[in-house]
Amino acid sequence: MSAPAPDVSIILPCAGLGTRFGAPYAKELHCLAPGVTVLDRSLETVVELAKSGVAVRVVVVFGPHKLDTVKYLARYAGTLQLVFVYQDSDTEPGLDGAIRCALPMTRGPVALVLPDIVVSSVGSLREALRLTDAAGWGVVAAKERDPAVLKQMGALAVDGEDGVVTVEAAAEKPVDPVGFNALWGIVAVTEDQAHRLPDVARRDADSPLTGARALLVEQIVNYNTTEG
């Protein structure tokens, strides 16, 4: 019996090597508290959406070195519709390649959730999806001024007040972060614009996030090292 069509699809790219993390296990499986990993924290906002009655499909992109992550995700089988897609790093390298691998399995609005990034607001995914109604794209973002951090993240220049915040410019790991004042943790997009999602992760393409609406949260943590 085929699975029902989802209301929302999540792309969860788990095929990265995590070389900077420097541990003998996948960084998304790093323990933050007893029984709680980075992956659990990154999926909190996805689980919250699913428990509200939304049918959520999570397209997990993995490689041969991530079978422990695939096994770990079995605990979410009763809550999320899990689909696994293999990424061939030779033909589709990088985060943009992972997104392209996942897109054929998505239906409805699509959100990019990274397994090593934790946002401080559990309801942030729901809000990012709501923001797509205005401009087709919604992002969960946090203010950031440290140039060293901005060079390693999806950098944004955001502006606005009274709850209406707009992305004026965006770049993936910019060489020169001058002019950027925030970083993104989750990206959401309408189904008809989802084909452009890989460009969010490309340094050689104009970012489709320019003009997106943004939800500002207090903190976004990128777990690049075992110290967090």
Protein backbone atom coordinates (compact mmCIF):
# COMPACT_ATOMS: atom_id res chain seq x y z
CA MET A 1 0.00 0.00 0.00
CA SER A 2 1.43 3.36 -1.01
CA ALA A 3 1.93 6.11 1.56
CA PRO A 4 -0.54 9.02 1.46
CA ALA A 5 0.55 12.27 -0.11
CA PRO A 6 2.04 14.57 2.53
CA ASP A 7 0.88 18.09 3.34
CA VAL A 8 4.48 19.26 3.81
CA SER A 9 7.84 17.76 2.85
CA ILE A 10 11.09 18.17 4.75
CA ILE A 11 14.51 17.64 3.19
CA LEU A 12 16.96 16.34 5.81
CA PRO A 13 20.47 16.08 4.28
CA CYS A 14 22.51 13.59 6.31
CA ALA A 15 25.16 12.54 3.79
CA GLY A 16 27.89 14.98 4.81
CA LEU A 17 31.23 13.67 6.05
CA GLY A 18 31.43 16.01 9.05
CA THR A 19 35.22 16.23 8.86
CA ARG A 20 35.39 19.38 11.00
CA PHE A 21 33.41 17.68 13.76
CA GLY A 22 36.31 15.41 14.60
CA ALA A 23 34.44 12.48 16.17
CA PRO A 24 34.22 8.80 15.21
CA TYR A 25 30.44 9.08 14.83
CA ALA A 26 28.06 11.25 12.83
CA LYS A 27 27.76 14.74 14.32
CA GLU A 28 23.96 14.61 14.25
CA LEU A 29 24.18 11.68 16.69
CA HIS A 30 26.22 13.68 19.21
CA CYS A 31 24.60 13.41 22.66
CA LEU A 32 23.39 16.68 24.21
CA ALA A 33 21.56 15.11 27.16
CA PRO A 34 20.64 11.58 28.21
CA GLY A 35 18.74 10.09 25.28
CA VAL A 36 18.82 13.34 23.28
CA THR A 37 21.05 13.93 20.24
CA VAL A 38 21.63 16.94 18.02
CA LEU A 39 19.35 15.26 15.48
CA ASP A 40 16.52 15.05 18.01
CA ARG A 41 16.86 18.75 18.77
CA SER A 42 16.96 19.70 15.07
CA LEU A 43 13.77 17.66 14.46
CA GLU A 44 11.82 19.15 17.38
CA THR A 45 10.14 21.74 15.18
CA VAL A 46 9.31 19.05 12.57
CA VAL A 47 7.76 16.78 15.19
CA GLU A 48 5.75 19.69 16.58
CA LEU A 49 4.29 20.29 13.14
CA ALA A 50 3.41 16.61 12.66
CA LYS A 51 1.76 16.33 16.09
CA SER A 52 -0.49 19.27 15.20
CA GLY A 53 -2.15 17.08 12.55
CA VAL A 54 -0.08 18.00 9.49
CA ALA A 55 1.06 15.03 7.38
CA VAL A 56 4.84 15.47 7.21
CA ARG A 57 7.14 13.56 4.87
CA VAL A 58 10.83 13.69 5.75
CA VAL A 59 13.13 12.89 2.84
CA VAL A 60 16.41 11.77 4.41
CA VAL A 61 19.44 12.01 2.15
CA PHE A 62 22.19 9.61 3.25
CA GLY A 63 25.44 7.96 2.18
CA PRO A 64 27.00 4.56 2.95
CA HIS A 65 28.74 6.00 6.03
CA LYS A 66 25.46 7.10 7.62
CA LEU A 67 23.69 3.80 8.29
CA ASP A 68 23.77 4.52 12.03
CA THR A 69 21.77 7.68 11.37
CA VAL A 70 19.29 5.74 9.24
CA LYS A 71 18.86 3.23 12.07
CA TYR A 72 18.46 5.99 14.67
CA LEU A 73 15.66 7.65 12.70
CA ALA A 74 13.49 4.53 13.11
CA ARG A 75 12.22 6.07 16.38
CA TYR A 76 10.34 8.66 14.30
CA ALA A 77 8.56 6.16 12.04
CA GLY A 78 5.29 6.46 13.95
CA THR A 79 5.26 10.26 13.76
CA LEU A 80 6.83 11.15 10.42
CA GLN A 81 6.58 9.63 6.95
CA LEU A 82 10.24 8.71 6.36
CA VAL A 83 11.68 8.36 2.86
CA PHE A 84 15.37 7.57 2.31
CA VAL A 85 17.31 8.70 -0.74
CA TYR A 86 20.93 7.76 -1.48
CA GLN A 87 23.28 10.57 -2.52
CA ASP A 88 26.03 9.68 -4.97
CA SER A 89 28.69 12.24 -4.08
CA ASP A 90 30.40 11.75 -7.45
CA THR A 91 27.41 12.82 -9.54
CA GLU A 92 25.60 15.06 -7.03
CA PRO A 93 28.15 16.45 -4.58
CA GLY A 94 27.56 18.95 -1.80
CA LEU A 95 24.48 20.23 -0.02
CA ASP A 96 22.97 21.45 -3.28
CA GLY A 97 23.39 17.93 -4.68
CA ALA A 98 21.65 16.46 -1.64
CA ILE A 99 18.70 18.79 -2.18
CA ARG A 100 18.46 17.82 -5.85
CA CYS A 101 18.45 14.13 -4.88
CA ALA A 102 15.56 14.69 -2.49
CA LEU A 103 13.32 16.99 -4.53
CA PRO A 104 11.68 14.28 -6.71
CA MET A 105 10.32 12.68 -3.52
CA THR A 106 8.77 15.87 -2.14
CA ARG A 107 5.16 16.98 -2.37
CA GLY A 108 3.60 20.23 -1.25
CA PRO A 109 5.58 23.04 0.40
CA VAL A 110 9.16 22.05 1.13
CA ALA A 111 11.43 22.96 4.03
CA LEU A 112 15.16 22.43 4.32
CA VAL A 113 16.10 21.33 7.84
CA LEU A 114 19.76 20.64 8.59
CA PRO A 115 20.49 17.79 11.03
CA ASP A 116 23.35 19.62 12.75
CA ILE A 117 21.58 22.95 13.26
CA VAL A 118 19.27 23.63 16.19
CA VAL A 119 16.94 26.63 16.34
CA SER A 120 15.71 28.01 19.64
CA SER A 121 11.99 28.16 18.75
CA VAL A 122 10.05 24.88 18.46
CA GLY A 123 7.27 26.49 16.42
CA SER A 124 9.67 28.08 13.94
CA LEU A 125 9.02 25.64 11.09
CA ARG A 126 5.29 26.28 11.19
CA GLU A 127 5.94 30.03 11.05
CA ALA A 128 8.44 29.71 8.18
CA LEU A 129 5.86 27.81 6.15
CA ARG A 130 3.25 30.47 6.90
CA LEU A 131 5.66 33.17 5.69
CA THR A 132 5.83 31.55 2.25
CA ASP A 133 2.32 32.88 1.62
CA ALA A 134 3.76 36.39 1.27
CA ALA A 135 6.78 35.90 -0.99
CA GLY A 136 7.04 32.20 -1.78
CA TRP A 137 9.99 31.82 0.59
CA GLY A 138 10.29 31.90 4.38
CA VAL A 139 13.38 31.56 6.56
CA VAL A 140 14.10 31.08 10.22
CA ALA A 141 17.00 33.38 11.03
CA ALA A 142 19.02 34.74 13.93
CA LYS A 143 21.01 37.96 14.12
CA GLU A 144 24.77 37.43 13.81
CA ARG A 145 27.63 39.93 13.45
CA ASP A 146 30.70 37.71 13.83
CA PRO A 147 32.34 37.57 10.38
CA ALA A 148 33.99 34.22 11.13
CA VAL A 149 30.58 32.66 11.82
CA LEU A 150 28.94 34.27 8.79
CA LYS A 151 31.67 32.88 6.52
CA GLN A 152 30.67 29.34 7.56
CA MET A 153 26.90 29.70 7.26
CA GLY A 154 24.10 30.82 5.01
CA ALA A 155 24.46 34.56 5.56
CA LEU A 156 21.61 37.06 5.31
CA ALA A 157 21.11 40.79 5.32
CA VAL A 158 17.75 41.32 7.01
CA ASP A 159 15.77 44.48 7.64
CA GLY A 160 12.36 45.33 9.01
CA GLU A 161 10.31 45.90 12.14
CA ASP A 162 6.87 45.28 13.68
CA GLY A 163 7.19 41.57 12.91
CA VAL A 164 7.75 42.08 9.17
CA VAL A 165 11.36 41.18 8.42
CA THR A 166 12.62 40.85 4.85
CA VAL A 167 15.80 39.31 3.47
CA GLU A 168 17.54 42.04 1.48
CA ALA A 169 20.48 39.85 0.40
CA ALA A 170 21.71 36.30 0.93
CA ALA A 171 24.86 34.30 0.23
CA GLU A 172 26.13 30.81 1.04
CA LYS A 173 29.35 31.00 3.10
CA PRO A 174 30.39 34.41 1.72
CA VAL A 175 34.09 35.15 1.36
CA ASP A 176 33.36 38.74 2.35
CA PRO A 177 30.58 38.88 4.99
CA VAL A 178 30.45 42.69 5.14
CA GLY A 179 26.83 43.84 4.99
CA PHE A 180 25.36 40.62 6.37
CA ASN A 181 23.78 40.68 9.82
CA ALA A 182 22.06 37.30 10.24
CA LEU A 183 22.19 33.61 9.35
CA TRP A 184 19.47 31.13 8.45
CA GLY A 185 18.61 27.85 10.17
CA ILE A 186 15.55 26.65 8.23
CA VAL A 187 14.35 27.52 4.71
CA ALA A 188 10.77 26.95 3.54
CA VAL A 189 9.44 27.34 0.00
CA THR A 190 6.20 26.84 -1.89
CA GLU A 191 5.86 23.78 -4.09
CA ASP A 192 6.04 25.76 -7.33
CA GLN A 193 9.35 27.38 -6.32
CA ALA A 194 10.96 24.31 -4.75
CA HIS A 195 13.04 23.59 -7.88
CA ARG A 196 15.16 26.62 -6.94
CA LEU A 197 15.97 25.30 -3.48
CA PRO A 198 19.42 23.88 -4.45
CA ASP A 199 20.56 27.43 -5.28
CA VAL A 200 20.26 28.32 -1.59
CA ALA A 201 23.35 26.15 -1.00
CA ARG A 202 25.38 27.27 -4.02
CA ARG A 203 28.07 29.92 -3.83
CA ASP A 204 28.05 30.41 -7.61
CA ALA A 205 24.33 31.22 -7.96
CA ASP A 206 22.09 34.13 -7.10
CA SER A 207 20.31 33.21 -3.90
CA PRO A 208 16.53 32.81 -4.21
CA LEU A 209 16.25 33.94 -0.58
CA THR A 210 16.47 37.61 -1.56
CA GLY A 211 13.01 39.02 -0.89
CA ALA A 212 12.01 36.19 1.46
CA ARG A 213 10.21 36.88 4.72
CA ALA A 214 12.13 35.98 7.87
CA LEU A 215 11.27 34.86 11.38
CA LEU A 216 13.94 36.02 13.80
CA VAL A 217 14.67 33.65 16.69
CA GLU A 218 16.96 34.14 19.64
CA GLN A 219 19.57 31.57 18.70
CA ILE A 220 20.66 29.16 15.98
CA VAL A 221 23.41 26.73 16.93
CA ASN A 222 25.56 24.99 14.35
CA TYR A 223 27.13 21.84 15.85
CA ASN A 224 30.38 21.79 13.90
CA THR A 225 32.45 20.53 16.83
CA THR A 226 31.86 18.31 19.82
CA GLU A 227 31.84 21.46 21.95
CA GLY A 228 28.88 22.87 19.98
